[in-house]
PDB file of N, CA and C in Angstrom:
ATOM      1  N   UNK A   1     -23.304 136.335  89.544  1.00  0.00           N
ATOM      2  CA  UNK A   1     -22.740 136.510  91.286  1.00  0.00           C
ATOM      3  C   UNK A   1     -21.391 135.630  91.385  1.00  0.00           C
ATOM      4  N   UNK A   2     -20.738 135.381  89.932  1.00  0.00           N
ATOM      5  CA  UNK A   2     -19.703 135.077  89.697  1.00  0.00           C
ATOM      6  C   UNK A   2     -18.574 135.856  89.882  1.00  0.00           C
ATOM      7  N   UNK A   3     -18.189 136.666  91.045  1.00  0.00           N
ATOM      8  CA  UNK A   3     -17.074 137.617  91.137  1.00  0.00           C
ATOM      9  C   UNK A   3     -15.843 137.003  91.598  1.00  0.00           C
ATOM     10  N   UNK A   4     -15.375 137.583  90.586  1.00  0.00           N
ATOM     11  CA  UNK A   4     -13.251 137.194  91.174  1.00  0.00           C
ATOM     12  C   UNK A   4     -12.787 138.353  91.813  1.00  0.00           C
ATOM     13  N   UNK A   5     -11.897 137.929  93.072  1.00  0.00           N
ATOM     14  CA  UNK A   5     -11.703 138.452  93.830  1.00  0.00           C
ATOM     15  C   UNK A   5      -9.890 138.545  93.627  1.00  0.00           C
ATOM     16  N   UNK A   6      -9.223 139.457  93.511  1.00  0.00           N
ATOM     17  CA  UNK A   6      -8.491 139.359  92.621  1.00  0.00           C
ATOM     18  C   UNK A   6      -6.704 139.889  93.519  1.00  0.00           C
ATOM     19  N   UNK A   7      -5.767 140.264  93.833  1.00  0.00           N
ATOM     20  CA  UNK A   7      -5.676 139.860  94.850  1.00  0.00           C
ATOM     21  C   UNK A   7      -3.604 140.734  93.961  1.00  0.00           C
ATOM     22  N   UNK A   8      -3.314 141.835  94.420  1.00  0.00           N
ATOM     23  CA  UNK A   8      -2.078 142.147  93.398  1.00  0.00           C
ATOM     24  C   UNK A   8      -1.157 141.961  94.257  1.00  0.00           C
ATOM     25  N   UNK A   9       0.397 141.869  93.629  1.00  0.00           N
ATOM     26  CA  UNK A   9       1.095 141.694  95.004  1.00  0.00           C
ATOM     27  C   UNK A   9       2.645 142.555  94.501  1.00  0.00           C
ATOM     28  N   UNK A  10       2.855 143.342  94.374  1.00  0.00           N
ATOM     29  CA  UNK A  10       3.634 144.076  93.827  1.00  0.00           C
ATOM     30  C   UNK A  10       5.264 144.444  94.544  1.00  0.00           C
ATOM     31  N   UNK A  11       6.546 143.973  93.687  1.00  0.00           N
ATOM     32  CA  UNK A  11       7.869 144.089  94.398  1.00  0.00           C
ATOM     33  C   UNK A  11       8.027 142.537  94.742  1.00  0.00           C
ATOM     34  N   UNK A  12       7.220 141.576  94.210  1.00  0.00           N
ATOM     35  CA  UNK A  12       7.473 140.053  95.003  1.00  0.00           C
ATOM     36  C   UNK A  12       7.485 139.343  93.407  1.00  0.00           C
ATOM     37  N   UNK A  13       8.418 138.217  93.159  1.00  0.00           N
ATOM     38  CA  UNK A  13       8.492 137.634  92.587  1.00  0.00           C
ATOM     39  C   UNK A  13       7.934 136.338  92.621  1.00  0.00           C
ATOM     40  N   UNK A  14       7.570 135.525  91.804  1.00  0.00           N
ATOM     41  CA  UNK A  14       6.787 134.377  92.262  1.00  0.00           C
ATOM     42  C   UNK A  14       7.359 133.037  93.263  1.00  0.00           C
ATOM     43  N   UNK A  15       8.825 133.178  92.724  1.00  0.00           N
ATOM     44  CA  UNK A  15       9.310 132.810  93.613  1.00  0.00           C
ATOM     45  C   UNK A  15       9.914 133.062  95.281  1.00  0.00           C
ATOM     46  N   UNK A  16       9.741 133.945  95.473  1.00  0.00           N
ATOM     47  CA  UNK A  16       9.801 135.305  96.730  1.00  0.00           C
ATOM     48  C   UNK A  16       8.214 134.711  97.324  1.00  0.00           C
ATOM     49  N   UNK A  17       7.269 134.684  96.616  1.00  0.00           N
ATOM     50  CA  UNK A  17       5.934 134.250  97.110  1.00  0.00           C
ATOM     51  C   UNK A  17       6.034 132.957  97.793  1.00  0.00           C
ATOM     52  N   UNK A  18       6.373 132.198  96.942  1.00  0.00           N
ATOM     53  CA  UNK A  18       6.693 131.086  97.387  1.00  0.00           C
ATOM     54  C   UNK A  18       7.286 130.661  98.516  1.00  0.00           C
ATOM     55  N   UNK A  19       8.172 131.187  98.506  1.00  0.00           N
ATOM     56  CA  UNK A  19       9.229 130.591 100.028  1.00  0.00           C
ATOM     57  C   UNK A  19       8.964 131.529 101.057  1.00  0.00           C
ATOM     58  N   UNK A  20       8.222 132.880 101.213  1.00  0.00           N
ATOM     59  CA  UNK A  20       7.180 133.513 102.141  1.00  0.00           C
ATOM     60  C   UNK A  20       6.550 132.449 102.449  1.00  0.00           C
ATOM     61  N   UNK A  21       5.721 132.153 101.526  1.00  0.00           N
ATOM     62  CA  UNK A  21       4.417 131.028 101.899  1.00  0.00           C
ATOM     63  C   UNK A  21       4.771 129.560 102.589  1.00  0.00           C
ATOM     64  N   UNK A  22       6.254 129.076 102.378  1.00  0.00           N
ATOM     65  CA  UNK A  22       6.594 127.732 102.474  1.00  0.00           C
ATOM     66  C   UNK A  22       7.097 128.314 103.650  1.00  0.00           C
ATOM     67  N   UNK A  23       7.845 128.952 104.282  1.00  0.00           N
ATOM     68  CA  UNK A  23       8.717 129.627 105.683  1.00  0.00           C
ATOM     69  C   UNK A  23       7.563 129.811 106.744  1.00  0.00           C
ATOM     70  N   UNK A  24       6.118 130.495 106.445  1.00  0.00           N
ATOM     71  CA  UNK A  24       4.997 130.772 107.244  1.00  0.00           C
ATOM     72  C   UNK A  24       4.489 129.523 107.806  1.00  0.00           C
ATOM     73  N   UNK A  25       4.105 128.324 106.181  1.00  0.00           N
ATOM     74  CA  UNK A  25       3.195 127.182 106.752  1.00  0.00           C
ATOM     75  C   UNK A  25       4.555 126.489 107.407  1.00  0.00           C
ATOM     76  N   UNK A  26       5.685 126.002 107.591  1.00  0.00           N
ATOM     77  CA  UNK A  26       6.710 125.559 107.992  1.00  0.00           C
ATOM     78  C   UNK A  26       6.592 125.667 109.503  1.00  0.00           C
ATOM     79  N   UNK A  27       6.436 127.302 109.770  1.00  0.00           N
ATOM     80  CA  UNK A  27       6.679 128.030 110.985  1.00  0.00           C
ATOM     81  C   UNK A  27       4.894 127.505 111.982  1.00  0.00           C
ATOM     82  N   UNK A  28       3.830 127.594 111.376  1.00  0.00           N
ATOM     83  CA  UNK A  28       2.958 126.985 111.714  1.00  0.00           C
ATOM     84  C   UNK A  28       2.432 125.453 112.067  1.00  0.00           C
ATOM     85  N   UNK A  29       2.693 124.828 111.509  1.00  0.00           N
ATOM     86  CA  UNK A  29       3.346 123.396 111.934  1.00  0.00           C
ATOM     87  C   UNK A  29       4.008 123.239 112.643  1.00  0.00           C
ATOM     88  N   UNK A  30       5.174 123.657 112.713  1.00  0.00           N
ATOM     89  CA  UNK A  30       6.192 123.488 113.837  1.00  0.00           C
ATOM     90  C   UNK A  30       5.622 124.042 115.131  1.00  0.00           C
ATOM     91  N   UNK A  31       4.811 124.877 115.034  1.00  0.00           N
ATOM     92  CA  UNK A  31       4.421 125.261 116.365  1.00  0.00           C
ATOM     93  C   UNK A  31       3.082 124.487 117.039  1.00  0.00           C
ATOM     94  N   UNK A  32       2.226 123.761 115.877  1.00  0.00           N
ATOM     95  CA  UNK A  32       1.019 122.985 116.132  1.00  0.00           C
ATOM     96  C   UNK A  32       1.776 122.068 116.426  1.00  0.00           C
ATOM     97  N   UNK A  33       2.771 121.177 116.115  1.00  0.00           N
ATOM     98  CA  UNK A  33       3.579 120.073 116.588  1.00  0.00           C
ATOM     99  C   UNK A  33       3.882 120.246 118.195  1.00  0.00           C
ATOM    100  N   UNK A  34       4.623 121.251 118.672  1.00  0.00           N
ATOM    101  CA  UNK A  34       5.061 121.198 119.309  1.00  0.00           C
ATOM    102  C   UNK A  34       3.947 121.505 120.389  1.00  0.00           C
ATOM    103  N   UNK A  35       2.662 122.165 120.108  1.00  0.00           N
ATOM    104  CA  UNK A  35       1.129 122.142 121.109  1.00  0.00           C
ATOM    105  C   UNK A  35       0.939 120.493 121.080  1.00  0.00           C
ATOM    106  N   UNK A  36       0.923 119.575 120.140  1.00  0.00           N
ATOM    107  CA  UNK A  36       0.549 118.858 120.168  1.00  0.00           C
ATOM    108  C   UNK A  36       1.091 117.670 121.168  1.00  0.00           C
ATOM    109  N   UNK A  37       2.150 117.707 120.794  1.00  0.00           N
ATOM    110  CA  UNK A  37       3.258 116.978 121.342  1.00  0.00           C
ATOM    111  C   UNK A  37       3.577 116.368 122.723  1.00  0.00           C
ATOM    112  N   UNK A  38       3.032 115.526 123.375  1.00  0.00           N
ATOM    113  CA  UNK A  38       2.756 115.358 124.895  1.00  0.00           C
ATOM    114  C   UNK A  38       4.356 115.651 125.601  1.00  0.00           C
ATOM    115  N   UNK A  39       3.996 115.694 126.968  1.00  0.00           N
ATOM    116  CA  UNK A  39       5.143 116.400 127.518  1.00  0.00           C
ATOM    117  C   UNK A  39       5.414 114.616 128.401  1.00  0.00           C
ATOM    118  N   UNK A  40       6.938 114.380 128.884  1.00  0.00           N
ATOM    119  CA  UNK A  40       6.865 112.672 129.403  1.00  0.00           C
ATOM    120  C   UNK A  40       6.611 114.010 130.786  1.00  0.00           C
ATOM    121  N   UNK A  41       5.839 112.740 131.617  1.00  0.00           N
ATOM    122  CA  UNK A  41       5.747 112.778 132.889  1.00  0.00           C
ATOM    123  C   UNK A  41       6.437 112.951 133.879  1.00  0.00           C
ATOM    124  N   UNK A  42       6.842 113.687 134.685  1.00  0.00           N
ATOM    125  CA  UNK A  42       7.716 114.613 135.510  1.00  0.00           C
ATOM    126  C   UNK A  42       8.468 112.894 136.713  1.00  0.00           C
ATOM    127  N   UNK A  43       9.468 112.718 136.382  1.00  0.00           N
ATOM    128  CA  UNK A  43      10.416 111.551 137.245  1.00  0.00           C
ATOM    129  C   UNK A  43      10.864 112.086 138.383  1.00  0.00           C
ATOM    130  N   UNK A  44      10.118 111.663 139.698  1.00  0.00           N
ATOM    131  CA  UNK A  44      11.032 112.073 141.037  1.00  0.00           C
ATOM    132  C   UNK A  44      11.519 110.719 141.444  1.00  0.00           C
ATOM    133  N   UNK A  45      12.681 111.338 141.806  1.00  0.00           N
ATOM    134  CA  UNK A  45      13.712 109.978 142.384  1.00  0.00           C
ATOM    135  C   UNK A  45      13.961 110.078 144.108  1.00  0.00           C
ATOM    136  N   UNK A  46      14.433 109.230 144.778  1.00  0.00           N
ATOM    137  CA  UNK A  46      14.751 109.258 146.290  1.00  0.00           C
ATOM    138  C   UNK A  46      16.034 109.522 146.424  1.00  0.00           C
ATOM    139  N   UNK A  47      16.711 109.915 147.649  1.00  0.00           N
ATOM    140  CA  UNK A  47      17.608 110.156 148.306  1.00  0.00           C
ATOM    141  C   UNK A  47      19.119 109.286 147.384  1.00  0.00           C
ATOM    142  N   UNK A  48      18.395 107.842 147.587  1.00  0.00           N
ATOM    143  CA  UNK A  48      19.096 106.660 147.184  1.00  0.00           C
ATOM    144  C   UNK A  48      19.497 106.527 146.060  1.00  0.00           C
ATOM    145  N   UNK A  49      18.244 107.009 145.320  1.00  0.00           N
ATOM    146  CA  UNK A  49      18.446 106.771 143.709  1.00  0.00           C
ATOM    147  C   UNK A  49      19.497 107.781 143.301  1.00  0.00           C
ATOM    148  N   UNK A  50      19.330 108.806 143.554  1.00  0.00           N
ATOM    149  CA  UNK A  50      20.199 110.230 142.638  1.00  0.00           C
ATOM    150  C   UNK A  50      21.388 109.771 143.290  1.00  0.00           C
ATOM    151  N   UNK A  51      21.842 108.972 144.678  1.00  0.00           N
ATOM    152  CA  UNK A  51      23.266 108.702 144.836  1.00  0.00           C
ATOM    153  C   UNK A  51      23.416 108.014 144.210  1.00  0.00           C
ATOM    154  N   UNK A  52      22.788 106.782 143.623  1.00  0.00           N
ATOM    155  CA  UNK A  52      23.116 105.407 142.866  1.00  0.00           C
ATOM    156  C   UNK A  52      23.108 106.184 141.275  1.00  0.00           C
ATOM    157  N   UNK A  53      22.536 107.075 141.196  1.00  0.00           N
ATOM    158  CA  UNK A  53      22.555 107.531 139.901  1.00  0.00           C
ATOM    159  C   UNK A  53      23.919 108.228 139.451  1.00  0.00           C
ATOM    160  N   UNK A  54      23.927 109.546 140.349  1.00  0.00           N
ATOM    161  CA  UNK A  54      25.433 109.925 140.300  1.00  0.00           C
ATOM    162  C   UNK A  54      26.473 109.655 140.817  1.00  0.00           C
ATOM    163  N   UNK A  55      26.537 108.292 141.264  1.00  0.00           N
ATOM    164  CA  UNK A  55      27.752 107.375 141.787  1.00  0.00           C
ATOM    165  C   UNK A  55      28.347 108.285 143.357  1.00  0.00           C
ATOM    166  N   UNK A  56      27.576 108.988 144.279  1.00  0.00           N
ATOM    167  CA  UNK A  56      27.587 109.644 145.261  1.00  0.00           C
ATOM    168  C   UNK A  56      27.339 109.261 146.307  1.00  0.00           C
ATOM    169  N   UNK A  57      28.132 109.607 147.320  1.00  0.00           N
ATOM    170  CA  UNK A  57      27.604 109.158 148.798  1.00  0.00           C
ATOM    171  C   UNK A  57      25.839 109.596 149.176  1.00  0.00           C
ATOM    172  N   UNK A  58      25.205 109.733 150.173  1.00  0.00           N
ATOM    173  CA  UNK A  58      24.049 109.898 150.666  1.00  0.00           C
ATOM    174  C   UNK A  58      24.777 111.765 151.295  1.00  0.00           C
ATOM    175  N   UNK A  59      25.412 111.267 151.692  1.00  0.00           N
ATOM    176  CA  UNK A  59      26.121 112.504 152.911  1.00  0.00           C
ATOM    177  C   UNK A  59      26.285 113.889 151.346  1.00  0.00           C
ATOM    178  N   UNK A  60      26.837 113.162 150.063  1.00  0.00           N
ATOM    179  CA  UNK A  60      27.155 114.099 149.764  1.00  0.00           C
ATOM    180  C   UNK A  60      25.633 114.882 148.578  1.00  0.00           C
ATOM    181  N   UNK A  61      24.713 113.902 148.824  1.00  0.00           N
ATOM    182  CA  UNK A  61      23.693 114.101 148.118  1.00  0.00           C
ATOM    183  C   UNK A  61      22.619 115.699 149.096  1.00  0.00           C
ATOM    184  N   UNK A  62      22.890 115.008 150.441  1.00  0.00           N
ATOM    185  CA  UNK A  62      22.211 115.845 151.449  1.00  0.00           C
ATOM    186  C   UNK A  62      23.242 117.333 151.493  1.00  0.00           C
ATOM    187  N   UNK A  63      24.653 117.250 151.405  1.00  0.00           N
ATOM    188  CA  UNK A  63      25.216 118.169 151.389  1.00  0.00           C
ATOM    189  C   UNK A  63      25.043 119.351 150.172  1.00  0.00           C
ATOM    190  N   UNK A  64      24.868 118.829 148.892  1.00  0.00           N
ATOM    191  CA  UNK A  64      24.504 119.527 147.372  1.00  0.00           C
ATOM    192  C   UNK A  64      23.053 120.203 147.789  1.00  0.00           C
ATOM    193  N   UNK A  65      21.755 119.700 148.750  1.00  0.00           N
ATOM    194  CA  UNK A  65      21.350 120.149 149.168  1.00  0.00           C
ATOM    195  C   UNK A  65      20.816 121.837 149.658  1.00  0.00           C
ATOM    196  N   UNK A  66      22.251 121.453 150.696  1.00  0.00           N
ATOM    197  CA  UNK A  66      22.278 122.767 151.725  1.00  0.00           C
ATOM    198  C   UNK A  66      23.164 123.526 150.604  1.00  0.00           C
ATOM    199  N   UNK A  67      23.891 123.656 149.666  1.00  0.00           N
ATOM    200  CA  UNK A  67      24.386 124.071 149.085  1.00  0.00           C
ATOM    201  C   UNK A  67      23.336 124.791 148.066  1.00  0.00           C
ATOM    202  N   UNK A  68      22.335 123.991 148.292  1.00  0.00           N
ATOM    203  CA  UNK A  68      21.498 124.501 146.649  1.00  0.00           C
ATOM    204  C   UNK A  68      22.014 124.259 144.999  1.00  0.00           C
ATOM    205  N   UNK A  69      22.545 123.559 145.095  1.00  0.00           N
ATOM    206  CA  UNK A  69      23.352 122.569 144.026  1.00  0.00           C
ATOM    207  C   UNK A  69      22.000 121.697 143.192  1.00  0.00           C
ATOM    208  N   UNK A  70      21.361 121.255 144.428  1.00  0.00           N
ATOM    209  CA  UNK A  70      19.995 120.030 143.836  1.00  0.00           C
ATOM    210  C   UNK A  70      19.214 120.747 144.267  1.00  0.00           C
ATOM    211  N   UNK A  71      17.905 120.780 144.248  1.00  0.00           N
ATOM    212  CA  UNK A  71      16.502 120.933 144.752  1.00  0.00           C
ATOM    213  C   UNK A  71      15.336 119.812 145.039  1.00  0.00           C
ATOM    214  N   UNK A  72      15.560 119.787 146.349  1.00  0.00           N
ATOM    215  CA  UNK A  72      14.772 118.797 147.213  1.00  0.00           C
ATOM    216  C   UNK A  72      13.128 119.025 146.510  1.00  0.00           C
ATOM    217  N   UNK A  73      12.663 118.684 147.181  1.00  0.00           N
ATOM    218  CA  UNK A  73      10.822 118.496 146.905  1.00  0.00           C
ATOM    219  C   UNK A  73      10.447 117.448 148.178  1.00  0.00           C
ATOM    220  N   UNK A  74      10.249 118.455 149.305  1.00  0.00           N
ATOM    221  CA  UNK A  74       9.687 117.345 150.616  1.00  0.00           C
ATOM    222  C   UNK A  74       7.932 117.924 150.703  1.00  0.00           C
ATOM    223  N   UNK A  75       7.823 115.999 150.920  1.00  0.00           N
ATOM    224  CA  UNK A  75       6.568 116.018 151.228  1.00  0.00           C
ATOM    225  C   UNK A  75       6.246 115.372 152.683  1.00  0.00           C
ATOM    226  N   UNK A  76       5.791 115.958 153.270  1.00  0.00           N
ATOM    227  CA  UNK A  76       5.822 115.113 154.875  1.00  0.00           C
ATOM    228  C   UNK A  76       7.273 115.151 155.139  1.00  0.00           C
ATOM    229  N   UNK A  77       7.890 113.761 154.947  1.00  0.00           N
ATOM    230  CA  UNK A  77       8.837 112.915 156.068  1.00  0.00           C
ATOM    231  C   UNK A  77       9.681 113.184 154.416  1.00  0.00           C
ATOM    232  N   UNK A  78       9.261 113.069 153.568  1.00  0.00           N
ATOM    233  CA  UNK A  78      10.013 112.482 152.525  1.00  0.00           C
ATOM    234  C   UNK A  78      10.613 113.497 151.333  1.00  0.00           C
ATOM    235  N   UNK A  79      11.420 112.862 150.789  1.00  0.00           N
ATOM    236  CA  UNK A  79      12.177 114.099 150.061  1.00  0.00           C
ATOM    237  C   UNK A  79      12.191 113.631 148.795  1.00  0.00           C
ATOM    238  N   UNK A  80      12.416 113.802 148.031  1.00  0.00           N
ATOM    239  CA  UNK A  80      12.170 113.586 146.052  1.00  0.00           C
ATOM    240  C   UNK A  80      12.808 114.814 145.346  1.00  0.00           C
ATOM    241  N   UNK A  81      13.866 114.001 144.477  1.00  0.00           N
ATOM    242  CA  UNK A  81      14.227 115.347 143.442  1.00  0.00           C
ATOM    243  C   UNK A  81      13.750 114.871 141.835  1.00  0.00           C
ATOM    244  N   UNK A  82      13.302 115.818 141.259  1.00  0.00           N
ATOM    245  CA  UNK A  82      13.314 115.731 139.895  1.00  0.00           C
ATOM    246  C   UNK A  82      14.025 114.799 138.913  1.00  0.00           C
ATOM    247  N   UNK A  83      14.185 114.291 137.913  1.00  0.00           N
ATOM    248  CA  UNK A  83      15.324 113.581 137.534  1.00  0.00           C
ATOM    249  C   UNK A  83      15.298 114.887 136.588  1.00  0.00           C
ATOM    250  N   UNK A  84      14.849 115.566 135.984  1.00  0.00           N
ATOM    251  CA  UNK A  84      15.349 116.250 134.725  1.00  0.00           C
ATOM    252  C   UNK A  84      16.450 117.436 135.729  1.00  0.00           C
ATOM    253  N   UNK A  85      16.055 118.060 136.660  1.00  0.00           N
ATOM    254  CA  UNK A  85      16.438 118.878 137.109  1.00  0.00           C
ATOM    255  C   UNK A  85      17.511 118.520 137.822  1.00  0.00           C
ATOM    256  N   UNK A  86      17.508 117.138 137.753  1.00  0.00           N
ATOM    257  CA  UNK A  86      19.156 116.916 138.175  1.00  0.00           C
ATOM    258  C   UNK A  86      20.130 116.898 137.162  1.00  0.00           C
ATOM    259  N   UNK A  87      19.708 116.106 135.680  1.00  0.00           N
ATOM    260  CA  UNK A  87      20.475 116.534 134.863  1.00  0.00           C
ATOM    261  C   UNK A  87      21.173 118.290 134.439  1.00  0.00           C
ATOM    262  N   UNK A  88      19.913 118.898 134.859  1.00  0.00           N
ATOM    263  CA  UNK A  88      20.647 120.721 134.988  1.00  0.00           C
ATOM    264  C   UNK A  88      21.606 121.035 135.949  1.00  0.00           C
ATOM    265  N   UNK A  89      21.163 120.473 136.799  1.00  0.00           N
ATOM    266  CA  UNK A  89      22.147 120.828 138.054  1.00  0.00           C
ATOM    267  C   UNK A  89      23.577 120.376 137.412  1.00  0.00           C
ATOM    268  N   UNK A  90      23.388 118.772 137.070  1.00  0.00           N
ATOM    269  CA  UNK A  90      25.080 118.418 136.562  1.00  0.00           C
ATOM    270  C   UNK A  90      25.779 119.255 135.379  1.00  0.00           C
ATOM    271  N   UNK A  91      24.865 119.715 134.687  1.00  0.00           N
ATOM    272  CA  UNK A  91      25.605 120.585 133.637  1.00  0.00           C
ATOM    273  C   UNK A  91      26.166 122.121 133.932  1.00  0.00           C
ATOM    274  N   UNK A  92      25.450 122.697 135.089  1.00  0.00           N
ATOM    275  CA  UNK A  92      25.746 123.891 135.887  1.00  0.00           C
ATOM    276  C   UNK A  92      26.902 123.991 136.330  1.00  0.00           C
ATOM    277  N   UNK A  93      27.062 122.368 137.170  1.00  0.00           N
ATOM    278  CA  UNK A  93      28.511 122.298 137.670  1.00  0.00           C
ATOM    279  C   UNK A  93      29.517 122.476 136.599  1.00  0.00           C
ATOM    280  N   UNK A  94      29.280 121.509 135.973  1.00  0.00           N
ATOM    281  CA  UNK A  94      30.207 121.358 134.619  1.00  0.00           C
ATOM    282  C   UNK A  94      30.958 122.997 134.281  1.00  0.00           C
ATOM    283  N   UNK A  95      29.575 123.654 134.216  1.00  0.00           N
ATOM    284  CA  UNK A  95      30.068 125.070 133.487  1.00  0.00           C
ATOM    285  C   UNK A  95      31.400 125.729 134.763  1.00  0.00           C
TER     286      UNK A  95
END
């Protein structure tokens, strides 16, 4: 019952095979790492925190809401902004 399974690969050198295996292994490890890396929690900021962070007046923050530069999230009477979206909005303005 000692059977040997033989796989033959044509037109591939041992170095090429090692490179293919190494690249595929790295790709799989990278995908696993991305799946297992915890994502940071979303941080919500108030209007005042946003104005302080950006060093602008509260009225400017309100104006940017109307112009849809910033995206406010409303919960009842409360208005909050996602910190990562503020950074993206600044990048968009810079362009």
